[in-house]
C-alpha atoms as a PDB file:
ATOM      1  CA  MET A   1     -24.586  28.807 -57.810  1.00  0.00           C
ATOM      2  CA  LYS A   2     -25.613  30.832 -54.753  1.00  0.00           C
ATOM      3  CA  LYS A   3     -28.183  28.160 -53.775  1.00  0.00           C
ATOM      4  CA  ILE A   4     -25.568  25.398 -53.957  1.00  0.00           C
ATOM      5  CA  THR A   5     -23.121  27.398 -51.828  1.00  0.00           C
ATOM      6  CA  PHE A   6     -25.811  28.138 -49.237  1.00  0.00           C
ATOM      7  CA  PHE A   7     -26.832  24.458 -49.094  1.00  0.00           C
ATOM      8  CA  PHE A   8     -23.206  23.397 -48.560  1.00  0.00           C
ATOM      9  CA  LEU A   9     -22.728  25.927 -45.768  1.00  0.00           C
ATOM     10  CA  LEU A  10     -25.973  24.798 -44.129  1.00  0.00           C
ATOM     11  CA  VAL A  11     -24.954  21.111 -44.188  1.00  0.00           C
ATOM     12  CA  PHE A  12     -21.483  21.995 -42.886  1.00  0.00           C
ATOM     13  CA  SER A  13     -22.976  24.032 -40.046  1.00  0.00           C
ATOM     14  CA  ILE A  14     -25.290  21.163 -39.014  1.00  0.00           C
ATOM     15  CA  SER A  15     -22.370  18.740 -39.147  1.00  0.00           C
ATOM     16  CA  CYS A  16     -20.270  20.952 -36.867  1.00  0.00           C
ATOM     17  CA  THR A  17     -23.153  21.435 -34.476  1.00  0.00           C
ATOM     18  CA  ASP A  18     -23.770  17.680 -34.350  1.00  0.00           C
ATOM     19  CA  LEU A  19     -20.116  17.022 -33.554  1.00  0.00           C
ATOM     20  CA  ASP A  20     -20.028  19.725 -30.889  1.00  0.00           C
ATOM     21  CA  THR A  21     -23.187  18.347 -29.309  1.00  0.00           C
ATOM     22  CA  LEU A  22     -21.837  14.805 -29.404  1.00  0.00           C
ATOM     23  CA  VAL A  23     -18.548  15.807 -27.778  1.00  0.00           C
ATOM     24  CA  ALA A  24     -20.434  17.753 -25.109  1.00  0.00           C
ATOM     25  CA  GLU A  25     -22.560  14.673 -24.334  1.00  0.00           C
ATOM     26  CA  ILE A  26     -19.448  12.472 -23.996  1.00  0.00           C
ATOM     27  CA  ALA A  27     -17.823  15.020 -21.687  1.00  0.00           C
ATOM     28  CA  LYS A  28     -20.995  15.370 -19.608  1.00  0.00           C
ATOM     29  CA  GLU A  29     -21.244  11.612 -19.055  1.00  0.00           C
ATOM     30  CA  ASN A  30     -17.521  11.663 -18.161  1.00  0.00           C
ATOM     31  CA  ILE A  31     -17.210   7.886 -18.047  1.00  0.00           C
ATOM     32  CA  MET A  32     -15.907   5.295 -20.483  1.00  0.00           C
ATOM     33  CA  GLU A  33     -18.275   2.408 -21.083  1.00  0.00           C
ATOM     34  CA  SER A  34     -18.199  -0.955 -22.811  1.00  0.00           C
ATOM     35  CA  GLU A  35     -20.836  -1.745 -25.425  1.00  0.00           C
ATOM     36  CA  TYR A  36     -23.208  -3.280 -22.873  1.00  0.00           C
ATOM     37  CA  VAL A  37     -23.483  -2.252 -19.215  1.00  0.00           C
ATOM     38  CA  GLY A  38     -25.300  -3.382 -16.083  1.00  0.00           C
ATOM     39  CA  LEU A  39     -26.568  -6.781 -15.011  1.00  0.00           C
ATOM     40  CA  SER A  40     -29.253  -6.726 -17.727  1.00  0.00           C
ATOM     41  CA  GLY A  41     -26.729  -5.891 -20.460  1.00  0.00           C
ATOM     42  CA  VAL A  42     -28.259  -2.580 -21.575  1.00  0.00           C
ATOM     43  CA  LYS A  43     -26.757  -0.984 -24.681  1.00  0.00           C
ATOM     44  CA  SER A  44     -24.461   1.825 -23.548  1.00  0.00           C
ATOM     45  CA  SER A  45     -25.342   5.328 -24.793  1.00  0.00           C
ATOM     46  CA  GLN A  46     -21.764   6.436 -24.168  1.00  0.00           C
ATOM     47  CA  TYR A  47     -20.411   3.616 -26.303  1.00  0.00           C
ATOM     48  CA  GLN A  48     -22.850   4.597 -29.072  1.00  0.00           C
ATOM     49  CA  ASN A  49     -21.589   8.175 -28.804  1.00  0.00           C
ATOM     50  CA  PHE A  50     -18.051   6.859 -29.284  1.00  0.00           C
ATOM     51  CA  GLN A  51     -19.120   5.004 -32.428  1.00  0.00           C
ATOM     52  CA  LYS A  52     -20.836   8.146 -33.758  1.00  0.00           C
ATOM     53  CA  LEU A  53     -17.692  10.173 -33.058  1.00  0.00           C
ATOM     54  CA  LYS A  54     -15.622   7.777 -35.134  1.00  0.00           C
ATOM     55  CA  LEU A  55     -18.216   7.968 -37.912  1.00  0.00           C
ATOM     56  CA  ILE A  56     -18.846  11.700 -38.298  1.00  0.00           C
ATOM     57  CA  ALA A  57     -15.590  13.398 -37.208  1.00  0.00           C
ATOM     58  CA  THR A  58     -13.006  14.123 -39.849  1.00  0.00           C
ATOM     59  CA  ASP A  59      -9.319  13.408 -39.269  1.00  0.00           C
ATOM     60  CA  GLU A  60      -8.690  17.117 -38.804  1.00  0.00           C
ATOM     61  CA  GLU A  61     -11.500  17.445 -36.271  1.00  0.00           C
ATOM     62  CA  LEU A  62     -10.174  14.490 -34.295  1.00  0.00           C
ATOM     63  CA  VAL A  63      -6.683  15.956 -34.258  1.00  0.00           C
ATOM     64  CA  ASN A  64      -8.087  19.231 -32.917  1.00  0.00           C
ATOM     65  CA  LEU A  65      -9.934  17.325 -30.179  1.00  0.00           C
ATOM     66  CA  LYS A  66      -6.709  15.748 -28.845  1.00  0.00           C
ATOM     67  CA  THR A  67      -6.342  18.780 -26.552  1.00  0.00           C
ATOM     68  CA  HIS A  68      -9.933  18.665 -25.252  1.00  0.00           C
ATOM     69  CA  LYS A  69     -10.125  19.294 -21.508  1.00  0.00           C
ATOM     70  CA  ASN A  70     -12.117  16.099 -20.865  1.00  0.00           C
ATOM     71  CA  SER A  71     -10.011  12.936 -20.519  1.00  0.00           C
ATOM     72  CA  VAL A  72     -12.741  10.574 -21.791  1.00  0.00           C
ATOM     73  CA  VAL A  73     -13.114  12.654 -24.944  1.00  0.00           C
ATOM     74  CA  ARG A  74      -9.349  12.607 -25.456  1.00  0.00           C
ATOM     75  CA  THR A  75      -9.301   8.819 -24.972  1.00  0.00           C
ATOM     76  CA  TYR A  76     -12.029   8.260 -27.574  1.00  0.00           C
ATOM     77  CA  VAL A  77     -10.224  10.619 -29.953  1.00  0.00           C
ATOM     78  CA  TYR A  78      -6.898   8.764 -29.672  1.00  0.00           C
ATOM     79  CA  LEU A  79      -8.583   5.378 -30.072  1.00  0.00           C
ATOM     80  CA  SER A  80     -10.380   6.663 -33.186  1.00  0.00           C
ATOM     81  CA  LEU A  81      -7.166   8.021 -34.695  1.00  0.00           C
ATOM     82  CA  ILE A  82      -5.403   4.710 -34.019  1.00  0.00           C
ATOM     83  CA  ASP A  83      -8.269   2.819 -35.683  1.00  0.00           C
ATOM     84  CA  ARG A  84      -7.866   5.045 -38.732  1.00  0.00           C
ATOM     85  CA  ALA A  85      -4.077   4.522 -38.708  1.00  0.00           C
ATOM     86  CA  ARG A  86      -3.627   8.304 -38.424  1.00  0.00           C
ATOM     87  CA  ILE A  87      -1.324   7.935 -35.446  1.00  0.00           C
ATOM     88  CA  LYS A  88       0.811   5.102 -34.099  1.00  0.00           C
ATOM     89  CA  PRO A  89      -0.117   3.811 -30.622  1.00  0.00           C
ATOM     90  CA  SER A  90       3.305   4.700 -29.185  1.00  0.00           C
ATOM     91  CA  ALA A  91       3.025   8.267 -30.524  1.00  0.00           C
ATOM     92  CA  ALA A  92      -0.483   8.591 -29.070  1.00  0.00           C
ATOM     93  CA  PHE A  93       0.808   7.208 -25.772  1.00  0.00           C
ATOM     94  CA  ALA A  94       3.676   9.737 -25.695  1.00  0.00           C
ATOM     95  CA  GLU A  95       1.286  12.635 -26.313  1.00  0.00           C
ATOM     96  CA  ALA A  96      -1.214  11.395 -23.712  1.00  0.00           C
ATOM     97  CA  LEU A  97       1.500  11.194 -21.035  1.00  0.00           C
ATOM     98  CA  ALA A  98       1.603  14.984 -20.851  1.00  0.00           C
ATOM     99  CA  TYR A  99      -1.884  15.076 -19.321  1.00  0.00           C
ATOM    100  CA  ASN A 100      -2.825  11.558 -18.309  1.00  0.00           C
ATOM    101  CA  GLU A 101      -5.923  12.082 -16.191  1.00  0.00           C
ATOM    102  CA  HIS A 102      -7.801   9.277 -14.476  1.00  0.00           C
ATOM    103  CA  PHE A 103     -11.468   8.605 -15.120  1.00  0.00           C
ATOM    104  CA  SER A 104     -14.074   5.939 -14.315  1.00  0.00           C
ATOM    105  CA  LYS A 105     -14.706   3.062 -16.675  1.00  0.00           C
ATOM    106  CA  THR A 106     -17.511   0.505 -16.661  1.00  0.00           C
ATOM    107  CA  SER A 107     -17.139  -2.997 -17.988  1.00  0.00           C
ATOM    108  CA  ALA A 108     -20.334  -5.048 -17.721  1.00  0.00           C
ATOM    109  CA  CYS A 109     -21.367  -4.274 -14.113  1.00  0.00           C
ATOM    110  CA  GLN A 110     -17.915  -3.321 -12.804  1.00  0.00           C
ATOM    111  CA  ILE A 111     -16.716   0.232 -12.234  1.00  0.00           C
ATOM    112  CA  LEU A 112     -12.967   0.581 -12.608  1.00  0.00           C
ATOM    113  CA  SER A 113     -10.385   3.361 -12.690  1.00  0.00           C
ATOM    114  CA  SER A 114      -8.483   3.975 -15.911  1.00  0.00           C
ATOM    115  CA  ASP A 115      -6.643   6.707 -17.807  1.00  0.00           C
ATOM    116  CA  VAL A 116      -5.836   7.701 -21.368  1.00  0.00           C
ATOM    117  CA  CYS A 117      -2.477   5.907 -21.517  1.00  0.00           C
ATOM    118  CA  THR A 118      -3.868   2.686 -20.059  1.00  0.00           C
ATOM    119  CA  GLU A 119      -6.616   2.530 -22.679  1.00  0.00           C
ATOM    120  CA  ILE A 120      -4.145   3.132 -25.515  1.00  0.00           C
ATOM    121  CA  TYR A 121      -1.794   0.461 -24.138  1.00  0.00           C
ATOM    122  CA  PHE A 122      -4.459  -2.223 -23.774  1.00  0.00           C
ATOM    123  CA  LYS A 123      -5.980  -1.415 -27.144  1.00  0.00           C
ATOM    124  CA  GLU A 124      -2.652  -2.287 -28.781  1.00  0.00           C
ATOM    125  CA  LEU A 125      -2.045  -5.238 -26.470  1.00  0.00           C
ATOM    126  CA  ASN A 126      -5.419  -6.784 -27.301  1.00  0.00           C
ATOM    127  CA  SER A 127      -5.333  -5.960 -30.996  1.00  0.00           C
ATOM    128  CA  SER A 128      -5.050  -8.887 -33.402  1.00  0.00           C
ATOM    129  CA  GLN A 129      -2.751  -6.683 -35.469  1.00  0.00           C
ATOM    130  CA  GLY A 130      -0.777  -5.392 -32.480  1.00  0.00           C
ATOM    131  CA  SER A 131       2.878  -4.589 -33.062  1.00  0.00           C
ATOM    132  CA  THR A 132       5.620  -5.899 -30.763  1.00  0.00           C
ATOM    133  CA  LYS A 133       7.700  -2.869 -31.706  1.00  0.00           C
ATOM    134  CA  GLU A 134       4.911  -0.540 -30.566  1.00  0.00           C
ATOM    135  CA  MET A 135       4.586  -2.397 -27.248  1.00  0.00           C
ATOM    136  CA  VAL A 136       8.343  -2.118 -26.662  1.00  0.00           C
ATOM    137  CA  LYS A 137       8.194   1.623 -27.310  1.00  0.00           C
ATOM    138  CA  MET A 138       5.304   2.055 -24.889  1.00  0.00           C
ATOM    139  CA  ASP A 139       7.057  -0.057 -22.230  1.00  0.00           C
ATOM    140  CA  SER A 140      10.057   2.237 -22.574  1.00  0.00           C
ATOM    141  CA  LEU A 141       7.842   5.304 -22.111  1.00  0.00           C
ATOM    142  CA  ILE A 142       6.214   3.720 -19.056  1.00  0.00           C
ATOM    143  CA  LEU A 143       9.541   2.975 -17.376  1.00  0.00           C
ATOM    144  CA  SER A 144      10.882   6.453 -18.111  1.00  0.00           C
ATOM    145  CA  ASN A 145       7.840   8.445 -17.021  1.00  0.00           C
ATOM    146  CA  MET A 146       5.613   6.574 -14.589  1.00  0.00           C
ATOM    147  CA  GLU A 147       5.983   6.097 -10.835  1.00  0.00           C
ATOM    148  CA  GLY A 148       4.071   4.741  -7.861  1.00  0.00           C
ATOM    149  CA  ASP A 149       2.011   1.581  -8.271  1.00  0.00           C
ATOM    150  CA  HIS A 150       0.570   2.287 -11.705  1.00  0.00           C
ATOM    151  CA  LEU A 151      -0.824  -0.822 -13.403  1.00  0.00           C
ATOM    152  CA  LEU A 152       1.247  -0.114 -16.516  1.00  0.00           C
ATOM    153  CA  LEU A 153       4.491  -0.499 -14.541  1.00  0.00           C
ATOM    154  CA  TYR A 154       3.367  -4.016 -13.713  1.00  0.00           C
ATOM    155  CA  MET A 155       2.563  -4.604 -17.389  1.00  0.00           C
ATOM    156  CA  ALA A 156       5.984  -3.322 -18.493  1.00  0.00           C
ATOM    157  CA  LEU A 157       7.917  -5.409 -15.961  1.00  0.00           C
ATOM    158  CA  ASN A 158       6.011  -8.607 -15.263  1.00  0.00           C
ATOM    159  CA  GLY A 159       7.462 -11.581 -17.119  1.00  0.00           C
ATOM    160  CA  LYS A 160       9.534  -9.384 -19.417  1.00  0.00           C
ATOM    161  CA  LYS A 161      13.237  -8.709 -19.962  1.00  0.00           C
ATOM    162  CA  GLN A 162      13.839  -5.049 -20.730  1.00  0.00           C
ATOM    163  CA  GLU A 163      16.955  -3.592 -22.308  1.00  0.00           C
ATOM    164  CA  GLU A 164      19.827  -3.021 -19.881  1.00  0.00           C
ATOM    165  CA  LYS A 165      19.578   0.741 -20.431  1.00  0.00           C
ATOM    166  CA  HIS A 166      16.453   0.626 -18.228  1.00  0.00           C
ATOM    167  CA  ASP A 167      18.158  -1.138 -15.282  1.00  0.00           C
ATOM    168  CA  GLU A 168      19.062   2.028 -13.369  1.00  0.00           C
ATOM    169  CA  ARG A 169      15.542   3.379 -13.724  1.00  0.00           C
ATOM    170  CA  ILE A 170      14.067   0.071 -12.556  1.00  0.00           C
ATOM    171  CA  LYS A 171      16.434   0.120  -9.558  1.00  0.00           C
ATOM    172  CA  SER A 172      15.158   3.602  -8.704  1.00  0.00           C
ATOM    173  CA  LEU A 173      11.555   2.421  -8.949  1.00  0.00           C
ATOM    174  CA  ALA A 174      12.366  -0.474  -6.612  1.00  0.00           C
ATOM    175  CA  LEU A 175      14.538   1.284  -4.042  1.00  0.00           C
ATOM    176  CA  ASP A 176      13.327   4.910  -4.082  1.00  0.00           C
ATOM    177  CA  HIS A 177       9.682   4.519  -5.046  1.00  0.00           C
ATOM    178  CA  HIS A 178       9.065   1.138  -3.353  1.00  0.00           C
ATOM    179  CA  ASN A 179       7.474  -0.445  -6.411  1.00  0.00           C
ATOM    180  CA  ALA A 180       6.837  -4.171  -5.894  1.00  0.00           C
ATOM    181  CA  SER A 181       6.874  -5.008  -9.624  1.00  0.00           C
ATOM    182  CA  ALA A 182      10.327  -3.450  -9.949  1.00  0.00           C
ATOM    183  CA  ILE A 183      11.601  -5.511  -6.998  1.00  0.00           C
ATOM    184  CA  PHE A 184      10.288  -8.732  -8.541  1.00  0.00           C
ATOM    185  CA  TYR A 185      11.907  -7.744 -11.852  1.00  0.00           C
ATOM    186  CA  LEU A 186      15.335  -7.147 -10.265  1.00  0.00           C
ATOM    187  CA  VAL A 187      15.243 -10.473  -8.448  1.00  0.00           C
ATOM    188  CA  GLU A 188      13.936 -12.520 -11.395  1.00  0.00           C
ATOM    189  CA  ASN A 189      16.475 -11.032 -13.798  1.00  0.00           C
ATOM    190  CA  LYS A 190      19.345 -11.124 -11.278  1.00  0.00           C
ATOM    191  CA  VAL A 191      20.115  -7.408 -11.613  1.00  0.00           C
ATOM    192  CA  ALA A 192      22.868  -6.375  -9.166  1.00  0.00           C
ATOM    193  CA  VAL A 193      21.468  -4.135  -6.431  1.00  0.00           C
ATOM    194  CA  ASP A 194      22.281  -2.982  -2.887  1.00  0.00           C
ATOM    195  CA  SER A 195      20.691  -5.757  -0.791  1.00  0.00           C
ATOM    196  CA  SER A 196      20.331  -3.586   2.340  1.00  0.00           C
ATOM    197  CA  LYS A 197      18.375  -0.935   0.407  1.00  0.00           C
ATOM    198  CA  LEU A 198      16.312  -3.655  -1.232  1.00  0.00           C
ATOM    199  CA  LYS A 199      15.387  -5.053   2.184  1.00  0.00           C
ATOM    200  CA  GLU A 200      14.401  -1.568   3.393  1.00  0.00           C
ATOM    201  CA  SER A 201      12.152  -1.103   0.376  1.00  0.00           C
ATOM    202  CA  ILE A 202      10.520  -4.516   0.856  1.00  0.00           C
ATOM    203  CA  GLN A 203       9.825  -3.729   4.503  1.00  0.00           C
ATOM    204  CA  ALA A 204       8.282  -0.373   3.519  1.00  0.00           C
ATOM    205  CA  ILE A 205       5.970  -2.051   0.989  1.00  0.00           C
ATOM    206  CA  ILE A 206       4.871  -4.808   3.396  1.00  0.00           C
ATOM    207  CA  THR A 207       4.268  -2.268   6.178  1.00  0.00           C
ATOM    208  CA  LYS A 208       2.202  -0.053   3.891  1.00  0.00           C
ATOM    209  CA  GLY A 209       0.107  -3.016   2.741  1.00  0.00           C
ATOM    210  CA  GLY A 210      -2.547  -2.973   0.045  1.00  0.00           C
ATOM    211  CA  ILE A 211      -0.689  -5.187  -2.455  1.00  0.00           C
ATOM    212  CA  GLY A 212      -2.541  -8.438  -1.774  1.00  0.00           C
ATOM    213  CA  THR A 213      -1.644 -11.529   0.244  1.00  0.00           C
ATOM    214  CA  GLU A 214       0.227 -13.442  -2.456  1.00  0.00           C
ATOM    215  CA  PRO A 215       2.596 -10.596  -3.516  1.00  0.00           C
ATOM    216  CA  ALA A 216       3.240  -9.778   0.145  1.00  0.00           C
ATOM    217  CA  GLU A 217       4.217 -13.384   0.845  1.00  0.00           C
ATOM    218  CA  GLU A 218       6.519 -13.420  -2.193  1.00  0.00           C
ATOM    219  CA  LEU A 219       8.184 -10.226  -1.008  1.00  0.00           C
ATOM    220  CA  GLN A 220       8.615 -11.770   2.429  1.00  0.00           C
ATOM    221  CA  GLN A 221      10.329 -14.769   0.864  1.00  0.00           C
ATOM    222  CA  ILE A 222      12.717 -12.468  -0.986  1.00  0.00           C
ATOM    223  CA  PHE A 223      13.400 -10.611   2.261  1.00  0.00           C
ATOM    224  CA  ASP A 224      14.106 -13.875   4.081  1.00  0.00           C
ATOM    225  CA  SER A 225      16.446 -15.070   1.351  1.00  0.00           C
ATOM    226  CA  LEU A 226      18.366 -11.774   1.538  1.00  0.00           C
ATOM    227  CA  ASN A 227      18.735 -12.251   5.295  1.00  0.00           C
ATOM    228  CA  ASN A 228      20.143 -15.721   4.744  1.00  0.00           C
ATOM    229  CA  LYS A 229      22.482 -14.786   1.910  1.00  0.00           C
ATOM    230  CA  HIS A 230      26.201 -15.556   2.255  1.00  0.00           C
ATOM    231  CA  THR A 231      25.615 -17.640   5.393  1.00  0.00           C
ATOM    232  CA  ASP A 232      27.393 -20.983   5.679  1.00  0.00           C
ATOM    233  CA  CYS A 233      25.653 -23.321   8.094  1.00  0.00           C
ATOM    234  CA  ASP A 234      26.751 -26.717   6.857  1.00  0.00           C
ATOM    235  CA  THR A 235      27.499 -27.679  10.462  1.00  0.00           C
ATOM    236  CA  VAL A 236      24.967 -26.797  13.163  1.00  0.00           C
ATOM    237  CA  PHE A 237      25.783 -27.232  16.847  1.00  0.00           C
ATOM    238  CA  GLU A 238      23.283 -27.643  19.647  1.00  0.00           C
ATOM    239  CA  PHE A 239      25.764 -27.189  22.484  1.00  0.00           C
ATOM    240  CA  GLY A 240      28.800 -24.999  23.087  1.00  0.00           C
ATOM    241  CA  GLU A 241      30.488 -22.922  25.745  1.00  0.00           C
ATOM    242  CA  GLU A 242      28.321 -19.926  24.771  1.00  0.00           C
ATOM    243  CA  LEU A 243      24.780 -20.193  23.433  1.00  0.00           C
ATOM    244  CA  PRO A 244      23.379 -17.504  21.113  1.00  0.00           C
ATOM    245  CA  VAL A 245      21.964 -14.518  22.984  1.00  0.00           C
ATOM    246  CA  PHE A 246      19.321 -12.110  21.697  1.00  0.00           C
ATOM    247  CA  LYS A 247      20.833  -8.630  21.584  1.00  0.00           C
ATOM    248  CA  GLY A 248      19.572  -6.853  24.674  1.00  0.00           C
ATOM    249  CA  GLY A 249      19.147 -10.084  26.612  1.00  0.00           C
ATOM    250  CA  ASP A 250      16.103 -12.024  27.744  1.00  0.00           C
ATOM    251  CA  MET A 251      14.057  -8.892  28.460  1.00  0.00           C
ATOM    252  CA  ALA A 252      14.550  -7.655  24.872  1.00  0.00           C
ATOM    253  CA  LEU A 253      13.575 -11.102  23.550  1.00  0.00           C
ATOM    254  CA  LEU A 254      10.447 -11.073  25.715  1.00  0.00           C
ATOM    255  CA  LYS A 255       9.508  -7.653  24.318  1.00  0.00           C
ATOM    256  CA  TYR A 256      10.001  -8.907  20.766  1.00  0.00           C
ATOM    257  CA  ASN A 257       7.825 -11.948  21.429  1.00  0.00           C
ATOM    258  CA  MET A 258       5.140  -9.781  23.029  1.00  0.00           C
ATOM    259  CA  ALA A 259       5.165  -7.362  20.083  1.00  0.00           C
ATOM    260  CA  LYS A 260       5.597  -9.724  17.131  1.00  0.00           C
ATOM    261  CA  ILE A 261       4.812 -13.321  18.107  1.00  0.00           C
ATOM    262  CA  ILE A 262       2.036 -13.352  20.685  1.00  0.00           C
ATOM    263  CA  PRO A 263      -0.334 -11.109  18.631  1.00  0.00           C
ATOM    264  CA  ILE A 264      -0.108 -13.633  15.772  1.00  0.00           C
ATOM    265  CA  ILE A 265      -1.042 -16.428  18.162  1.00  0.00           C
ATOM    266  CA  GLY A 266      -3.861 -14.261  19.526  1.00  0.00           C
ATOM    267  CA  GLU A 267      -5.293 -13.829  16.041  1.00  0.00           C
ATOM    268  CA  ALA A 268      -5.178 -17.599  15.534  1.00  0.00           C
ATOM    269  CA  ASN A 269      -6.947 -18.162  18.858  1.00  0.00           C
ATOM    270  CA  LYS A 270      -9.777 -15.889  17.710  1.00  0.00           C
ATOM    271  CA  ARG A 271      -9.909 -17.443  14.243  1.00  0.00           C
ATOM    272  CA  THR A 272      -9.995 -21.086  15.365  1.00  0.00           C
ATOM    273  CA  GLY A 273     -11.567 -20.779  18.795  1.00  0.00           C
ATOM    274  CA  ASN A 274      -8.716 -22.876  20.234  1.00  0.00           C
ATOM    275  CA  LEU A 275      -6.514 -21.530  22.998  1.00  0.00           C
ATOM    276  CA  ILE A 276      -2.778 -22.017  22.490  1.00  0.00           C
ATOM    277  CA  ALA A 277      -1.426 -21.623  26.019  1.00  0.00           C
ATOM    278  CA  ARG A 278       2.199 -22.586  25.361  1.00  0.00           C
ATOM    279  CA  LEU A 279       4.258 -22.929  22.203  1.00  0.00           C
ATOM    280  CA  TYR A 280       7.832 -23.988  21.374  1.00  0.00           C
ATOM    281  CA  TYR A 281       9.996 -22.817  18.495  1.00  0.00           C
ATOM    282  CA  SER A 282      13.552 -23.517  17.399  1.00  0.00           C
ATOM    283  CA  LEU A 283      16.000 -21.237  15.617  1.00  0.00           C
ATOM    284  CA  ILE A 284      19.296 -21.750  13.837  1.00  0.00           C
ATOM    285  CA  ILE A 285      21.531 -18.739  14.455  1.00  0.00           C
ATOM    286  CA  SER A 286      24.371 -18.278  11.974  1.00  0.00           C
ATOM    287  CA  LYS A 287      27.983 -17.334  12.714  1.00  0.00           C
ATOM    288  CA  GLU A 288      26.981 -13.763  11.893  1.00  0.00           C
ATOM    289  CA  GLY A 289      24.076 -13.838  14.359  1.00  0.00           C
ATOM    290  CA  LYS A 290      21.294 -14.050  11.771  1.00  0.00           C
ATOM    291  CA  VAL A 291      18.229 -16.272  12.038  1.00  0.00           C
ATOM    292  CA  VAL A 292      18.678 -18.590   9.050  1.00  0.00           C
ATOM    293  CA  GLU A 293      16.098 -21.219   9.976  1.00  0.00           C
ATOM    294  CA  ALA A 294      12.984 -21.220  12.145  1.00  0.00           C
ATOM    295  CA  ASP A 295      10.699 -24.085  13.042  1.00  0.00           C
ATOM    296  CA  ILE A 296       7.529 -24.364  15.104  1.00  0.00           C
ATOM    297  CA  LEU A 297       7.783 -27.438  17.321  1.00  0.00           C
ATOM    298  CA  SER A 298       4.218 -27.319  18.625  1.00  0.00           C
ATOM    299  CA  ASN A 299       1.251 -28.650  16.667  1.00  0.00           C
ATOM    300  CA  VAL A 300      -0.363 -25.638  14.943  1.00  0.00           C
ATOM    301  CA  ASP A 301      -2.240 -25.125  11.677  1.00  0.00           C
ATOM    302  CA  THR A 302      -0.379 -24.238   8.471  1.00  0.00           C
ATOM    303  CA  GLN A 303      -1.583 -20.630   8.314  1.00  0.00           C
ATOM    304  CA  LEU A 304      -0.346 -19.891  11.834  1.00  0.00           C
ATOM    305  CA  GLU A 305       2.922 -21.744  11.244  1.00  0.00           C
ATOM    306  CA  LYS A 306       3.756 -19.653   8.155  1.00  0.00           C
ATOM    307  CA  LYS A 307       3.074 -16.379   9.959  1.00  0.00           C
ATOM    308  CA  LEU A 308       5.127 -17.382  12.992  1.00  0.00           C
ATOM    309  CA  ILE A 309       8.103 -18.531  10.906  1.00  0.00           C
ATOM    310  CA  SER A 310       8.031 -15.271   8.956  1.00  0.00           C
ATOM    311  CA  ALA A 311       8.056 -13.226  12.178  1.00  0.00           C
ATOM    312  CA  LEU A 312      10.856 -15.328  13.674  1.00  0.00           C
ATOM    313  CA  LYS A 313      13.022 -15.008  10.550  1.00  0.00           C
ATOM    314  CA  ASN A 314      12.588 -11.236  10.727  1.00  0.00           C
ATOM    315  CA  MET A 315      14.106 -11.088  14.191  1.00  0.00           C
ATOM    316  CA  PRO A 316      16.981  -8.638  14.710  1.00  0.00           C
ATOM    317  CA  ASP A 317      20.482 -10.143  14.796  1.00  0.00           C
ATOM    318  CA  TRP A 318      21.585 -12.251  17.761  1.00  0.00           C
ATOM    319  CA  ILE A 319      24.988 -12.550  19.376  1.00  0.00           C
ATOM    320  CA  PRO A 320      26.124 -15.884  17.855  1.00  0.00           C
ATOM    321  CA  GLY A 321      27.090 -18.900  19.926  1.00  0.00           C
ATOM    322  CA  LYS A 322      30.680 -20.117  20.390  1.00  0.00           C
ATOM    323  CA  VAL A 323      32.245 -23.561  20.110  1.00  0.00           C
ATOM    324  CA  ASP A 324      35.932 -23.882  21.031  1.00  0.00           C
ATOM    325  CA  GLY A 325      36.253 -20.125  21.073  1.00  0.00           C
ATOM    326  CA  GLN A 326      34.878 -19.697  17.519  1.00  0.00           C
ATOM    327  CA  TYR A 327      31.523 -18.362  16.413  1.00  0.00           C
ATOM    328  CA  GLU A 328      29.484 -21.222  14.952  1.00  0.00           C
ATOM    329  CA  CYS A 329      25.985 -21.927  13.674  1.00  0.00           C
ATOM    330  CA  MET A 330      23.878 -23.097  16.577  1.00  0.00           C
ATOM    331  CA  LYS A 331      20.355 -24.403  17.107  1.00  0.00           C
ATOM    332  CA  ILE A 332      18.384 -23.211  20.112  1.00  0.00           C
ATOM    333  CA  THR A 333      14.853 -23.896  21.377  1.00  0.00           C
ATOM    334  CA  TYR A 334      12.603 -21.452  23.198  1.00  0.00           C
ATOM    335  CA  PRO A 335       9.154 -21.687  24.771  1.00  0.00           C
ATOM    336  CA  ILE A 336       6.486 -18.991  24.655  1.00  0.00           C
ATOM    337  CA  SER A 337       3.853 -18.794  27.331  1.00  0.00           C
ATOM    338  CA  CYS A 338       0.826 -17.231  25.646  1.00  0.00           C
ATOM    339  CA  ILE A 339      -1.589 -14.963  27.439  1.00  0.00           C
ATOM    340  CA  LYS A 340      -5.296 -15.637  27.033  1.00  0.00           C
ATOM    341  CA  TRP A 341      -6.940 -13.407  24.422  1.00  0.00           C
ATOM    342  CA  GLU A 342     -10.513 -12.355  25.032  1.00  0.00           C
END
């Protein structure tokens, strides 16, 4: 009887030591890896450690490891518990939110940034047995707890319609935290919002940059449409007793052109090697003094034309033109003499 007890204790001790050693190795590597890594597709030792962890750790041991100080260890533990159906993905996600550290992750030959919550989310998203109910719960947790430009905010908002109870939070993400995904969500789902604050947030995002060319252009289009909202220009005049005047006069307009228009032309000169010495543009100024339409009358390439029109539509308000004593929509044409860029 004593020999059997001693043998059991010896096996148990080795098992514990093996688990401790395995966890220490995972923490030391401190990176999450796919099964094969590198250009040559070498079998990942870290991935093998993950498989061993799932094999030798008991449910109780995994539960105890949920509070491990290393985020990669915690990620592997949660994924293992989900695989064993010992915890629901949304419950794991909620627990992980309390200490959602970032870590590096390799996939093939790419090195990416991830975190515990992101790995739990995508595991459920990509699972053949994934639950819509679980995804909804995680989306709710994301909207309630995450800020900034976290990838999961994009996942929770892009192409989805959330419950109305989340609208105020999404407005806060858009207006207070300048989150582009939240802005797109509000516009696509026609959620009522203060247009002036929305424009301020869009400007802040575009100025900060780093969101990619396509999203920036989409935001600019939203900004332009907000500028043009509630403007009735069914009739456009080209003559009147008073033409539209840029606020501050010709000198202020010259300064705007020097600051916003000519640098764009300078960039195009460098890009194409062609010198644009003079350029004409036309504007339609609304009754409220807003630029509602802009057109480049000179022959320029499409890329330059888009940038110039965007800059012209972002002009400050003008003093509108008058016809028979009434403010009316009016079309005006202006030339720009471009300086030579070295």
